[in-house]
């Protein structure tokens, strides 16, 4: 039986009016009232097509009115769901610590969360101001909290915000906790059912930040040189003050700041996307580097949990080259094993297989997990973890998550040690290629407006899997939705290719952005340093061919 279009419109308008009646935020009330007055049915339909889904990344989406946007109404419901989950787990009097970045509405979302927790009988503590996500991750265990919330959209576009949830072990939530919290959120019938306290939460001083900073030194070896000269950009985020304090404590020269991007600014005026990996995002940093002539450039993303590194490169148009996350991951691993680090070195499945070779050569453990630090942080015996999206965990006892500040310190220590011997990060990458083979990685990433494009591409690859890509035979194909080895099921495909060279491809929808991501790796044997230019040229050609053939197979 077909629905009456007029009835659909009336239902949509009724939904919007009901939402408007209980929206506690003046800005989103005005926005929704305007859409209703204009009878903008297409936009209303987009806002009320469902609800933002709470998953293992928590919530993330564009700011605006309605259940499909990030706003105070959605956050209050999420906080109520988390409070109900914690009470059901017997933690009704536990502490929830709340951090937030400098994005639009972040402080409001953090205070709403505290108000809901206190009204539900829990204790709540707010970090004193916008601070890096690693400080919140540290604070959870330091304060003995039962959970933590970080309000951030990390490196997403300016109009986005997000809500990331950690449990008492200091790690981000994983199944089944995400589904159980989501069920409690769904059980919130009306905002009127959610009590919010007017007061009763604690606003912390700088004690937690000071304790975090005191621990950052511990990633370094006493007595190592601290001579690296650094240009640093906070990418309009919250990293600057904490990075400067950490570098000063460790005895490094103060990094030269990219002033245009040094202070928090939710508009991110100098970048299209506040992500060091995006084209153009590092232009100002490279301009400052050409002027200041440092040893390296370091960038954090806006919440400072990621760390990007660039090195001088005369062949690059800017005179500087961004290292891939896999290159930094390998450099830090090699640095740690040379320092005698023991334990398990872990990475996500989309990261380079070079880490496994470094770990095997050093006689340390190696583990692969699903994508995300929520999985990496849970590896038993973890000593070091990384994933290719510029995330590094170098102090798992302090921060069970990626930490762009301690990673920056460790990179600066490595650069200093190499500098004392007249060497560079590029030289060490050459050494690793000669010893283990050139592990060249790249990514085919497609941003979409219509999520159906991603579903179609995944379906096409499943129904008509490729047998050959870039002249290499697909020796093994795995549908990760069925699980693979010890990995829990996830929406993804993994291909192992053989032929003149070994290669590996992983295809998956992004968990935080409307993107289809394809991760490519080819391994080219290297006889000696003299053959590296030829090996790199071969790897570049193969990766380009893999992108072309995979794109055709996926129809993207």
Protein backbone atom coordinates (compact mmCIF):
# COMPACT_ATOMS: atom_id res chain seq x y z
CA UNK A 1 0.00 0.00 0.00
CA UNK A 2 1.52 3.32 -1.06
CA UNK A 3 1.95 6.12 1.45
CA UNK A 4 0.12 9.34 0.73
CA UNK A 5 2.78 11.99 -0.15
CA UNK A 6 0.74 14.65 1.62
CA UNK A 7 0.60 12.48 4.73
CA UNK A 8 4.40 12.00 4.49
CA UNK A 9 4.87 15.77 4.43
CA UNK A 10 2.56 16.25 7.39
CA UNK A 11 4.43 13.56 9.35
CA UNK A 12 7.77 15.18 8.52
CA UNK A 13 6.56 18.61 9.62
CA UNK A 14 5.10 17.14 12.80
CA UNK A 15 8.43 15.47 13.58
CA UNK A 16 10.30 18.72 13.05
CA UNK A 17 7.84 20.69 15.18
CA UNK A 18 8.11 18.16 18.00
CA UNK A 19 11.92 18.36 17.86
CA UNK A 20 11.77 22.16 17.81
CA UNK A 21 9.55 22.23 20.89
CA UNK A 22 12.21 20.59 23.07
CA UNK A 23 15.42 21.84 21.44
CA UNK A 24 17.42 23.59 24.22
CA UNK A 25 19.70 25.53 21.87
CA UNK A 26 18.68 28.94 20.54
CA UNK A 27 20.83 28.67 17.42
CA UNK A 28 19.45 25.33 16.23
CA UNK A 29 15.90 26.35 17.20
CA UNK A 30 16.18 29.37 14.92
CA UNK A 31 17.63 27.22 12.15
CA UNK A 32 14.85 24.65 12.37
CA UNK A 33 12.14 27.29 12.68
CA UNK A 34 13.45 28.91 9.50
CA UNK A 35 13.36 25.58 7.62
CA UNK A 36 9.77 25.06 8.78
CA UNK A 37 8.72 28.59 7.83
CA UNK A 38 10.25 28.16 4.38
CA UNK A 39 8.70 24.68 4.05
CA UNK A 40 12.12 23.44 2.91
CA UNK A 41 10.95 19.83 2.75
CA UNK A 42 14.10 18.46 1.11
CA UNK A 43 16.32 19.83 3.84
CA UNK A 44 13.89 18.77 6.57
CA UNK A 45 13.79 15.28 5.09
CA UNK A 46 17.59 15.11 5.22
CA UNK A 47 17.60 16.23 8.86
CA UNK A 48 14.89 13.75 9.90
CA UNK A 49 15.76 10.73 7.73
CA UNK A 50 16.85 8.82 10.84
CA UNK A 51 19.28 9.45 13.67
CA UNK A 52 23.05 9.76 13.81
CA UNK A 53 24.25 6.27 14.58
CA UNK A 54 26.28 5.70 17.72
CA UNK A 55 29.03 3.20 16.97
CA UNK A 56 32.62 2.39 17.85
CA UNK A 57 33.62 5.90 16.75
CA UNK A 58 30.88 7.32 18.99
CA UNK A 59 29.05 10.07 17.13
CA UNK A 60 30.35 12.32 14.39
CA UNK A 61 28.53 14.53 11.94
CA UNK A 62 27.74 18.00 10.66
CA UNK A 63 26.46 20.58 13.14
CA UNK A 64 22.83 21.59 12.74
CA UNK A 65 19.28 20.99 13.89
CA UNK A 66 17.59 17.59 13.79
CA UNK A 67 18.45 13.99 14.70
CA UNK A 68 20.77 13.52 11.69
CA UNK A 69 23.03 16.39 12.80
CA UNK A 70 25.30 17.05 15.77
CA UNK A 71 23.54 19.34 18.26
CA UNK A 72 22.77 19.67 21.94
CA UNK A 73 19.62 17.55 21.71
CA UNK A 74 21.53 14.66 20.17
CA UNK A 75 24.39 15.01 22.67
CA UNK A 76 22.05 15.12 25.69
CA UNK A 77 20.44 11.89 24.49
CA UNK A 78 23.88 10.33 23.98
CA UNK A 79 24.97 11.35 27.47
CA UNK A 80 21.76 9.91 28.94
CA UNK A 81 22.40 6.64 27.11
CA UNK A 82 25.97 6.46 28.40
CA UNK A 83 24.81 7.23 31.95
CA UNK A 84 22.17 4.49 31.77
CA UNK A 85 24.77 2.03 30.44
CA UNK A 86 27.19 2.83 33.28
CA UNK A 87 24.43 2.47 35.88
CA UNK A 88 23.43 -0.88 34.40
CA UNK A 89 27.05 -2.01 34.75
CA UNK A 90 27.03 -1.24 38.46
CA UNK A 91 28.98 2.00 38.17
CA UNK A 92 26.20 4.36 39.28
CA UNK A 93 28.49 6.41 41.53
CA UNK A 94 31.52 6.38 39.21
CA UNK A 95 33.42 9.34 37.81
CA UNK A 96 33.08 10.42 34.17
CA UNK A 97 35.83 12.76 32.97
CA UNK A 98 35.01 15.00 30.01
CA UNK A 99 37.34 16.75 27.59
CA UNK A 100 36.67 18.91 24.56
CA UNK A 101 38.42 20.65 21.68
CA UNK A 102 37.91 24.18 20.34
CA UNK A 103 35.34 23.42 17.64
CA UNK A 104 31.96 25.09 17.43
CA UNK A 105 29.69 23.88 20.25
CA UNK A 106 32.35 21.66 21.87
CA UNK A 107 32.20 23.44 25.25
CA UNK A 108 28.36 23.33 25.20
CA UNK A 109 28.36 19.60 24.45
CA UNK A 110 30.86 18.98 27.25
CA UNK A 111 28.84 20.93 29.83
CA UNK A 112 25.61 19.21 28.77
CA UNK A 113 27.30 15.85 29.29
CA UNK A 114 28.43 16.83 32.78
CA UNK A 115 24.93 18.04 33.65
CA UNK A 116 23.35 14.76 32.54
CA UNK A 117 25.91 12.63 34.41
CA UNK A 118 25.43 14.49 37.69
CA UNK A 119 21.63 14.33 37.42
CA UNK A 120 21.92 10.56 36.83
CA UNK A 121 23.86 10.16 40.08
CA UNK A 122 27.33 9.84 38.60
CA UNK A 123 30.21 12.18 39.31
CA UNK A 124 31.56 14.34 36.51
CA UNK A 125 34.78 16.27 36.00
CA UNK A 126 35.49 18.64 33.12
CA UNK A 127 38.98 19.35 31.86
CA UNK A 128 39.71 23.05 32.49
CA UNK A 129 39.69 24.25 28.85
CA UNK A 130 40.02 22.90 25.30
CA UNK A 131 42.91 20.41 25.44
CA UNK A 132 44.34 17.62 23.26
CA UNK A 133 42.47 14.33 23.18
CA UNK A 134 45.50 12.43 24.62
CA UNK A 135 45.16 14.47 27.84
CA UNK A 136 41.59 13.18 28.24
CA UNK A 137 42.67 9.60 27.46
CA UNK A 138 45.40 9.93 30.12
CA UNK A 139 43.04 11.51 32.66
CA UNK A 140 40.63 8.56 32.65
CA UNK A 141 43.09 6.13 34.24
CA UNK A 142 44.92 8.81 36.21
CA UNK A 143 41.68 9.81 37.97
CA UNK A 144 40.24 6.29 38.21
CA UNK A 145 37.21 7.23 36.10
CA UNK A 146 34.69 4.65 34.91
CA UNK A 147 34.38 6.41 31.54
CA UNK A 148 35.56 9.40 29.55
CA UNK A 149 34.04 11.55 26.84
CA UNK A 150 35.98 13.64 24.35
CA UNK A 151 34.00 16.16 22.31
CA UNK A 152 35.91 16.41 19.03
CA UNK A 153 35.63 15.80 15.31
CA UNK A 154 39.40 15.41 15.07
CA UNK A 155 40.42 16.35 11.50
CA UNK A 156 36.93 16.52 9.97
CA UNK A 157 35.66 19.65 8.13
CA UNK A 158 34.92 22.80 10.19
CA UNK A 159 31.14 22.26 10.31
CA UNK A 160 31.51 18.84 11.95
CA UNK A 161 31.71 17.82 15.57
CA UNK A 162 31.81 14.49 17.37
CA UNK A 163 31.45 12.59 20.61
CA UNK A 164 34.04 9.96 21.44
CA UNK A 165 33.51 7.58 24.39
CA UNK A 166 36.15 5.73 26.42
CA UNK A 167 35.60 3.23 29.22
CA UNK A 168 37.56 2.96 32.45
CA UNK A 169 40.51 1.10 30.93
CA UNK A 170 41.32 4.29 29.02
CA UNK A 171 40.53 2.77 25.62
CA UNK A 172 37.79 3.75 23.18
CA UNK A 173 34.68 1.59 23.20
CA UNK A 174 34.44 -1.59 21.13
CA UNK A 175 31.56 -4.04 20.59
CA UNK A 176 29.40 -4.96 22.39
CA UNK A 177 29.62 -1.77 24.49
CA UNK A 178 28.83 0.44 21.50
CA UNK A 179 25.60 -1.45 20.72
CA UNK A 180 24.58 -1.52 24.39
CA UNK A 181 25.09 2.25 24.72
CA UNK A 182 23.26 2.81 21.42
CA UNK A 183 20.30 0.79 22.76
CA UNK A 184 20.15 2.99 25.86
CA UNK A 185 20.26 6.12 23.67
CA UNK A 186 17.41 4.76 21.53
CA UNK A 187 15.38 4.18 24.71
CA UNK A 188 15.34 7.94 25.43
CA UNK A 189 11.83 8.83 24.27
CA UNK A 190 11.87 12.58 24.88
CA UNK A 191 14.39 15.18 25.97
CA UNK A 192 11.96 16.04 28.76
CA UNK A 193 12.75 12.60 30.24
CA UNK A 194 16.43 13.50 30.63
CA UNK A 195 17.29 15.35 33.81
CA UNK A 196 20.13 17.87 33.74
CA UNK A 197 21.73 19.26 36.86
CA UNK A 198 22.39 22.98 37.18
CA UNK A 199 25.65 22.33 39.04
CA UNK A 200 27.52 19.63 40.93
CA UNK A 201 30.27 18.71 38.51
CA UNK A 202 33.92 19.56 39.06
CA UNK A 203 35.99 21.70 36.72
CA UNK A 204 39.53 20.44 37.05
CA UNK A 205 42.57 22.66 37.38
CA UNK A 206 45.87 22.02 35.64
CA UNK A 207 46.85 19.10 37.90
CA UNK A 208 45.88 16.47 35.34
CA UNK A 209 47.62 18.34 32.52
CA UNK A 210 50.73 18.70 34.68
CA UNK A 211 50.69 14.97 35.43
CA UNK A 212 50.33 14.20 31.72
CA UNK A 213 53.23 16.52 30.87
CA UNK A 214 55.38 14.96 33.59
CA UNK A 215 54.89 11.61 31.92
CA UNK A 216 55.73 12.78 28.38
CA UNK A 217 59.44 12.82 29.32
CA UNK A 218 59.30 9.09 29.95
CA UNK A 219 59.11 8.25 26.25
CA UNK A 220 62.66 9.60 25.88
CA UNK A 221 65.93 8.03 27.00
CA UNK A 222 67.83 10.06 29.60
CA UNK A 223 70.98 11.63 28.19
CA UNK A 224 70.03 11.47 24.52
CA UNK A 225 70.76 14.56 22.40
CA UNK A 226 67.96 17.14 22.08
CA UNK A 227 69.28 19.13 19.13
CA UNK A 228 66.48 18.74 16.56
CA UNK A 229 65.19 22.02 15.15
CA UNK A 230 61.47 21.84 14.44
CA UNK A 231 58.85 23.91 12.64
CA UNK A 232 55.46 23.12 14.17
CA UNK A 233 51.84 23.73 13.17
CA UNK A 234 48.82 23.10 15.38
CA UNK A 235 46.52 23.29 12.32
CA UNK A 236 44.23 25.78 14.14
CA UNK A 237 43.74 23.19 16.88
CA UNK A 238 44.52 22.78 20.57
CA UNK A 239 48.02 21.30 20.40
CA UNK A 240 50.31 24.34 20.57
CA UNK A 241 50.55 25.07 24.30
CA UNK A 242 50.92 21.42 25.30
CA UNK A 243 53.50 20.72 22.60
CA UNK A 244 55.56 23.77 23.59
CA UNK A 245 55.42 22.72 27.25
CA UNK A 246 56.40 19.12 26.44
CA UNK A 247 59.34 20.19 24.26
CA UNK A 248 60.53 22.63 26.93
CA UNK A 249 60.36 19.99 29.68
CA UNK A 250 62.34 17.58 27.52
CA UNK A 251 65.07 20.14 26.85
CA UNK A 252 64.46 20.75 23.16
CA UNK A 253 64.73 24.16 21.54
CA UNK A 254 61.26 25.66 21.22
CA UNK A 255 59.68 24.73 17.88
CA UNK A 256 59.23 27.54 15.37
CA UNK A 257 55.48 28.11 15.09
CA UNK A 258 53.41 28.51 11.97
CA UNK A 259 51.76 31.58 13.45
CA UNK A 260 48.80 31.67 11.04
CA UNK A 261 47.71 28.24 12.35
CA UNK A 262 48.98 28.39 15.94
CA UNK A 263 45.85 29.42 17.84
CA UNK A 264 42.57 27.47 18.07
CA UNK A 265 40.05 28.63 15.47
CA UNK A 266 36.93 26.57 14.73
CA UNK A 267 36.64 28.17 11.28
CA UNK A 268 40.02 26.68 10.22
CA UNK A 269 40.48 29.67 7.89
CA UNK A 270 43.73 28.65 6.17
CA UNK A 271 42.84 25.07 5.19
CA UNK A 272 40.06 23.40 3.24
CA UNK A 273 40.27 20.37 5.55
CA UNK A 274 42.20 20.59 8.85
CA UNK A 275 44.08 17.36 8.17
CA UNK A 276 47.84 17.34 7.48
CA UNK A 277 47.27 14.63 4.85
CA UNK A 278 44.96 16.80 2.73
CA UNK A 279 46.38 18.70 -0.27
CA UNK A 280 47.41 22.23 0.68
CA UNK A 281 47.08 21.77 4.43
CA UNK A 282 50.86 21.90 4.93
CA UNK A 283 51.59 24.78 2.53
CA UNK A 284 52.05 27.38 5.27
CA UNK A 285 54.24 25.01 7.28
CA UNK A 286 56.46 24.38 4.27
CA UNK A 287 56.72 28.13 3.63
CA UNK A 288 57.85 28.63 7.23
CA UNK A 289 60.32 25.76 6.85
CA UNK A 290 61.89 27.32 3.76
CA UNK A 291 62.42 30.44 5.86
CA UNK A 292 63.54 28.81 9.15
CA UNK A 293 65.46 25.82 7.66
CA UNK A 294 64.67 23.31 10.45
CA UNK A 295 65.58 19.62 10.51
CA UNK A 296 61.93 18.54 10.30
CA UNK A 297 58.37 19.87 10.20
CA UNK A 298 55.84 18.46 12.68
CA UNK A 299 52.08 18.95 12.47
CA UNK A 300 49.27 17.88 14.74
CA UNK A 301 45.68 17.56 13.67
CA UNK A 302 43.18 19.83 15.52
CA UNK A 303 42.80 17.60 18.61
CA UNK A 304 46.52 16.68 18.58
CA UNK A 305 46.13 12.92 18.67
CA UNK A 306 47.79 12.55 15.26
CA UNK A 307 51.33 13.53 14.32
CA UNK A 308 52.55 14.35 10.80
CA UNK A 309 56.23 14.65 9.88
CA UNK A 310 57.85 16.25 6.84
CA UNK A 311 61.49 16.12 5.77
CA UNK A 312 63.62 18.23 3.41
CA UNK A 313 63.42 16.96 -0.18
CA UNK A 314 65.08 18.90 -2.99
CA UNK A 315 63.04 17.00 -5.60
CA UNK A 316 59.70 18.12 -4.10
CA UNK A 317 58.07 21.28 -5.43
CA UNK A 318 57.83 22.77 -1.92
CA UNK A 319 61.31 21.63 -0.97
CA UNK A 320 59.73 19.41 1.69
CA UNK A 321 58.02 16.03 1.61
CA UNK A 322 55.37 14.73 3.94
CA UNK A 323 56.29 11.29 5.21
CA UNK A 324 53.53 8.74 4.92
CA UNK A 325 52.12 7.46 8.18
CA UNK A 326 53.63 4.07 7.40
CA UNK A 327 57.08 5.64 7.05
CA UNK A 328 56.84 7.38 10.42
CA UNK A 329 55.43 4.17 11.92
CA UNK A 330 58.46 2.21 10.72
CA UNK A 331 60.93 4.90 11.84
CA UNK A 332 59.51 4.99 15.37
CA UNK A 333 59.48 1.18 15.55
CA UNK A 334 63.13 1.00 14.49
CA UNK A 335 64.01 3.72 17.02
CA UNK A 336 62.26 1.85 19.82
CA UNK A 337 63.85 -1.52 19.09
CA UNK A 338 67.29 0.11 18.98
CA UNK A 339 66.50 1.54 22.42
CA UNK A 340 65.81 -2.02 23.63
CA UNK A 341 62.01 -1.81 23.81
CA UNK A 342 60.30 -5.11 24.60
CA UNK A 343 56.70 -6.18 24.24
CA UNK A 344 54.27 -6.35 21.35
CA UNK A 345 54.43 -3.99 18.37
CA UNK A 346 50.91 -3.70 16.96
CA UNK A 347 49.33 -2.12 13.90
CA UNK A 348 46.01 -2.04 12.11
CA UNK A 349 45.52 -4.29 9.10
CA UNK A 350 45.58 -1.29 6.75
CA UNK A 351 49.10 -0.35 7.85
CA UNK A 352 52.36 -1.48 6.25
CA UNK A 353 53.60 -5.03 6.70
CA UNK A 354 57.08 -3.56 7.24
CA UNK A 355 56.36 -3.35 10.98
CA UNK A 356 56.10 -7.12 11.12
CA UNK A 357 59.52 -7.49 9.51
CA UNK A 358 61.11 -4.98 11.88
CA UNK A 359 59.56 -6.77 14.86
CA UNK A 360 60.69 -10.21 13.64
CA UNK A 361 64.26 -9.00 13.09
CA UNK A 362 64.31 -7.53 16.61
CA UNK A 363 62.72 -10.58 18.23
CA UNK A 364 59.71 -8.70 19.60
CA UNK A 365 56.06 -9.61 19.29
CA UNK A 366 53.87 -8.37 16.45
CA UNK A 367 50.09 -8.16 16.18
CA UNK A 368 47.54 -6.95 13.62
CA UNK A 369 44.14 -5.58 14.58
CA UNK A 370 41.11 -4.07 12.91
CA UNK A 371 41.36 -0.39 12.01
CA UNK A 372 41.32 2.01 14.93
CA UNK A 373 43.15 2.52 18.20
CA UNK A 374 40.17 1.10 20.05
CA UNK A 375 41.56 -2.25 18.86
CA UNK A 376 45.29 -1.52 18.90
CA UNK A 377 45.14 -0.29 22.51
CA UNK A 378 43.67 -3.62 23.65
CA UNK A 379 46.55 -5.78 22.38
CA UNK A 380 47.94 -7.72 25.33
CA UNK A 381 51.48 -6.70 26.20
CA UNK A 382 51.37 -3.68 23.88
CA UNK A 383 54.58 -1.66 23.79
CA UNK A 384 54.05 0.30 20.58
CA UNK A 385 51.13 0.71 18.23
CA UNK A 386 50.53 2.67 15.07
CA UNK A 387 48.25 3.01 12.10
CA UNK A 388 48.89 4.62 8.76
CA UNK A 389 46.51 7.56 9.38
CA UNK A 390 49.27 9.35 11.35
CA UNK A 391 48.40 7.72 14.68
CA UNK A 392 51.10 6.48 17.07
CA UNK A 393 50.92 5.11 20.62
CA UNK A 394 54.41 5.26 22.12
CA UNK A 395 53.44 5.19 25.82
CA UNK A 396 50.59 2.69 26.22
CA UNK A 397 50.89 2.67 30.01
CA UNK A 398 50.14 6.39 30.05
CA UNK A 399 47.81 6.89 27.07
CA UNK A 400 45.99 3.90 25.58
CA UNK A 401 45.24 5.76 22.41
CA UNK A 402 47.13 7.59 19.70
CA UNK A 403 49.05 10.57 21.02
CA UNK A 404 50.46 13.19 18.66
CA UNK A 405 52.45 14.92 21.41
CA UNK A 406 54.55 12.05 22.76
CA UNK A 407 55.00 10.83 19.18
CA UNK A 408 56.38 14.26 18.24
CA UNK A 409 58.86 14.09 21.12
CA UNK A 410 60.06 10.63 20.08
CA UNK A 411 60.49 11.76 16.47
CA UNK A 412 62.50 14.76 17.67
CA UNK A 413 64.72 12.48 19.76
CA UNK A 414 65.33 10.20 16.76
CA UNK A 415 66.16 13.19 14.53
CA UNK A 416 68.58 14.47 17.19
CA UNK A 417 70.37 11.13 17.46
CA UNK A 418 70.68 10.84 13.69
CA UNK A 419 71.83 14.44 13.42
CA UNK A 420 74.70 13.75 15.82
CA UNK A 421 75.90 11.12 13.34
CA UNK A 422 75.39 13.34 10.29
CA UNK A 423 72.32 11.39 9.17
CA UNK A 424 68.61 12.05 8.57
CA UNK A 425 65.24 10.32 8.70
CA UNK A 426 65.50 9.80 4.92
CA UNK A 427 68.80 7.97 5.41
CA UNK A 428 67.22 5.66 7.97
CA UNK A 429 64.30 4.95 5.63
CA UNK A 430 66.86 3.94 2.99
CA UNK A 431 68.50 1.57 5.51
CA UNK A 432 65.14 -0.07 6.25
CA UNK A 433 64.41 -0.53 2.54
CA UNK A 434 67.76 -2.22 1.93
CA UNK A 435 67.35 -4.48 4.95
CA UNK A 436 63.69 -5.46 4.58
CA UNK A 437 62.73 -4.52 1.01
CA UNK A 438 61.04 -1.33 -0.12
CA UNK A 439 57.53 -1.35 1.35
CA UNK A 440 55.77 1.34 -0.69
CA UNK A 441 52.23 2.31 0.29
CA UNK A 442 49.55 4.54 -1.16
CA UNK A 443 45.83 5.10 -0.85
CA UNK A 444 42.92 5.45 -3.22
CA UNK A 445 40.38 7.49 -1.29
CA UNK A 446 37.03 8.54 -2.74
CA UNK A 447 34.86 11.09 -0.89
CA UNK A 448 31.17 10.80 -1.77
CA UNK A 449 27.97 12.76 -1.25
CA UNK A 450 25.83 9.62 -1.61
CA UNK A 451 26.80 6.74 0.68
CA UNK A 452 25.12 4.43 -1.81
CA UNK A 453 28.18 4.85 -4.05
CA UNK A 454 30.29 3.13 -1.38
CA UNK A 455 27.78 0.31 -0.92
CA UNK A 456 27.64 -0.21 -4.70
CA UNK A 457 31.43 -0.39 -4.96
CA UNK A 458 31.67 -2.96 -2.15
CA UNK A 459 28.87 -5.03 -3.68
CA UNK A 460 30.51 -4.91 -7.10
CA UNK A 461 33.84 -6.14 -5.73
CA UNK A 462 32.12 -8.94 -3.83
CA UNK A 463 30.01 -10.08 -6.79
CA UNK A 464 32.78 -9.80 -9.39
CA UNK A 465 36.10 -10.05 -7.53
CA UNK A 466 39.20 -9.17 -9.59
CA UNK A 467 41.56 -12.01 -10.53
CA UNK A 468 44.42 -9.73 -11.56
CA UNK A 469 45.44 -6.15 -10.77
CA UNK A 470 48.42 -4.25 -12.24
CA UNK A 471 49.64 -7.46 -13.87
CA UNK A 472 49.80 -9.25 -10.51
CA UNK A 473 47.69 -12.33 -9.78
CA UNK A 474 45.20 -12.15 -6.90
CA UNK A 475 46.50 -15.16 -5.00
CA UNK A 476 44.12 -14.82 -2.07
CA UNK A 477 40.99 -12.76 -1.42
CA UNK A 478 39.34 -12.39 1.98
CA UNK A 479 35.94 -10.93 2.78
CA UNK A 480 36.58 -9.44 6.20
CA UNK A 481 32.82 -9.33 6.86
CA UNK A 482 33.15 -13.07 7.48
CA UNK A 483 36.10 -12.57 9.82
CA UNK A 484 39.71 -13.47 9.06
CA UNK A 485 41.97 -15.31 11.46
CA UNK A 486 41.51 -13.79 14.91
CA UNK A 487 39.94 -10.61 13.54
CA UNK A 488 36.28 -9.85 14.36
CA UNK A 489 34.05 -9.37 11.30
CA UNK A 490 34.17 -5.93 9.68
CA UNK A 491 33.03 -4.50 6.35
CA UNK A 492 36.13 -4.83 4.22
CA UNK A 493 37.95 -6.81 1.55
CA UNK A 494 41.61 -7.88 1.54
CA UNK A 495 43.58 -9.08 -1.47
CA UNK A 496 47.06 -10.62 -1.56
CA UNK A 497 48.77 -10.36 -4.95
CA UNK A 498 51.73 -12.28 -6.34
CA UNK A 499 53.88 -12.09 -9.44
CA UNK A 500 57.02 -10.13 -10.12
CA UNK A 501 56.36 -8.42 -6.77
CA UNK A 502 54.20 -9.03 -3.72
CA UNK A 503 51.35 -6.63 -3.07
CA UNK A 504 48.39 -6.24 -0.75
CA UNK A 505 45.15 -4.27 -1.01
CA UNK A 506 42.48 -3.56 1.60
CA UNK A 507 39.18 -1.89 0.69
CA UNK A 508 36.86 -0.54 3.38
CA UNK A 509 34.33 2.23 4.03
CA UNK A 510 35.69 4.90 6.38
CA UNK A 511 34.30 4.75 9.90
CA UNK A 512 34.35 8.53 10.39
CA UNK A 513 33.91 10.19 6.98
CA UNK A 514 31.84 9.60 3.81
CA UNK A 515 34.77 7.94 2.04
CA UNK A 516 35.68 4.66 0.43
CA UNK A 517 39.30 3.90 1.32
CA UNK A 518 41.58 1.53 -0.52
CA UNK A 519 44.98 0.85 1.04
CA UNK A 520 47.72 -0.34 -1.31
CA UNK A 521 51.14 -1.82 -0.57
CA UNK A 522 53.80 -3.25 -2.86
CA UNK A 523 57.10 -4.78 -1.75
CA UNK A 524 60.08 -4.35 -4.07
CA UNK A 525 63.34 -6.15 -3.18
CA UNK A 526 66.37 -3.86 -2.90
CA UNK A 527 69.88 -5.20 -3.48
CA UNK A 528 71.74 -2.16 -2.17
CA UNK A 529 71.41 1.58 -1.66
CA UNK A 530 72.42 2.29 -5.27
CA UNK A 531 69.35 0.43 -6.56
CA UNK A 532 66.87 2.38 -4.41
CA UNK A 533 65.95 5.02 -7.04
CA UNK A 534 65.01 2.30 -9.52
CA UNK A 535 63.05 0.39 -6.85
CA UNK A 536 61.11 3.52 -5.91
CA UNK A 537 60.30 4.24 -9.55
CA UNK A 538 59.03 0.66 -10.01
CA UNK A 539 56.95 0.87 -6.84
CA UNK A 540 55.40 4.17 -7.93
CA UNK A 541 54.42 2.71 -11.29
CA UNK A 542 52.89 -0.41 -9.72
CA UNK A 543 50.92 1.61 -7.18
CA UNK A 544 49.54 3.82 -9.94
CA UNK A 545 48.51 0.75 -11.93
CA UNK A 546 46.90 -0.79 -8.85
CA UNK A 547 44.86 2.38 -8.31
CA UNK A 548 43.73 2.40 -11.94
CA UNK A 549 42.75 -1.26 -12.06
CA UNK A 550 41.12 -1.32 -8.62
CA UNK A 551 39.12 1.82 -9.41
CA UNK A 552 37.85 0.17 -12.59
CA UNK A 553 36.95 -3.04 -10.75
CA UNK A 554 35.06 -1.10 -8.07
CA UNK A 555 33.40 1.24 -10.55
CA UNK A 556 34.71 4.38 -8.84
